[in-house]
């Protein structure tokens, strides 16, 4: 509902005439998370075995050591709640190498994951170019050692790749010779800036910073052209993590590992059921009734096939 615990208590007491303390409500959630743990574990297994996986992260202000990371593919969402201050934690989550394609932003911790391939979010890169442009506009007397030329060239290069992908007749086979040329153009742009810096010539600090990043990530900027099933942006993961961000703002985040785990399980199950076309509340009620009657949680429902 996107409201605080105190507001939920008010709703229960005023509208539903149900007296329940904040502690009692939290205890109910914790017990529910324990019951739904098998579904959460199944969602995690499906995420690790998917052909491609979106990833996004957000900080947890009340717990500086905690970082919420969402891993999602079209039929499921997994909110990973474990403390993630080090890259090794992400590798531990995946265990062995991820055999699919990982889509993510430029957070360097994702690079510690051994993957078959990856796609960096180009929207994040374009936003960063716009951010630097805005900073330059706010400081009109700042020196420009080639930033505008660099930014214009990089934008054109990225948009050329996106336009190519959007062509009605696009296929990696049809444009097998054109796709590698985009990477060659990117390499030439990065090498030009880095060579100027190595030669002691004036180089814009933002252009140099981005070129050092692109030198590391260039092989995974145009992956979406080789694999048409994946997008060039990571908007799906951003949409899936937004409810956790709203809850973080309203509830001041989790203050215990138990609370973090409870939230991760409940939000993952809820969002997954919704993505699969089910009414989460009705599905959970039915599953809990079955669990009470049989002592066993029913299987996690599959995606409902669209009519037609």
Foldseek 3Di string as FASTA:
>chain_A
DLAALVVVQVCCCPVVVDHDDSVRVLVVLLVLLVQLVVVLVVLLVCLLQDQEWEKDWDAQVLDRQWIWMWIDDLLFIFTDTDRPPDLVVVCVSSVDARAHEYEYALPVSVVSGHYVAYAHAVVVVLVVLVVVVVVCVVVVPDDCPCSVVLSVQVVVLLVVLVVQLPDPPADCVVCVPVVVVSLVSLVVSLCVQVVCVVVVHDHDPVSPVVSVSCVVCSVRHNVCSNPVVDDNHRVVSVVLCVSVVSNCVNHSGDNDPSSSSSVRSVSRLCVSCVSLPHNSVVVSVVQVVCCVVPVHGDDRDGRDDDDD
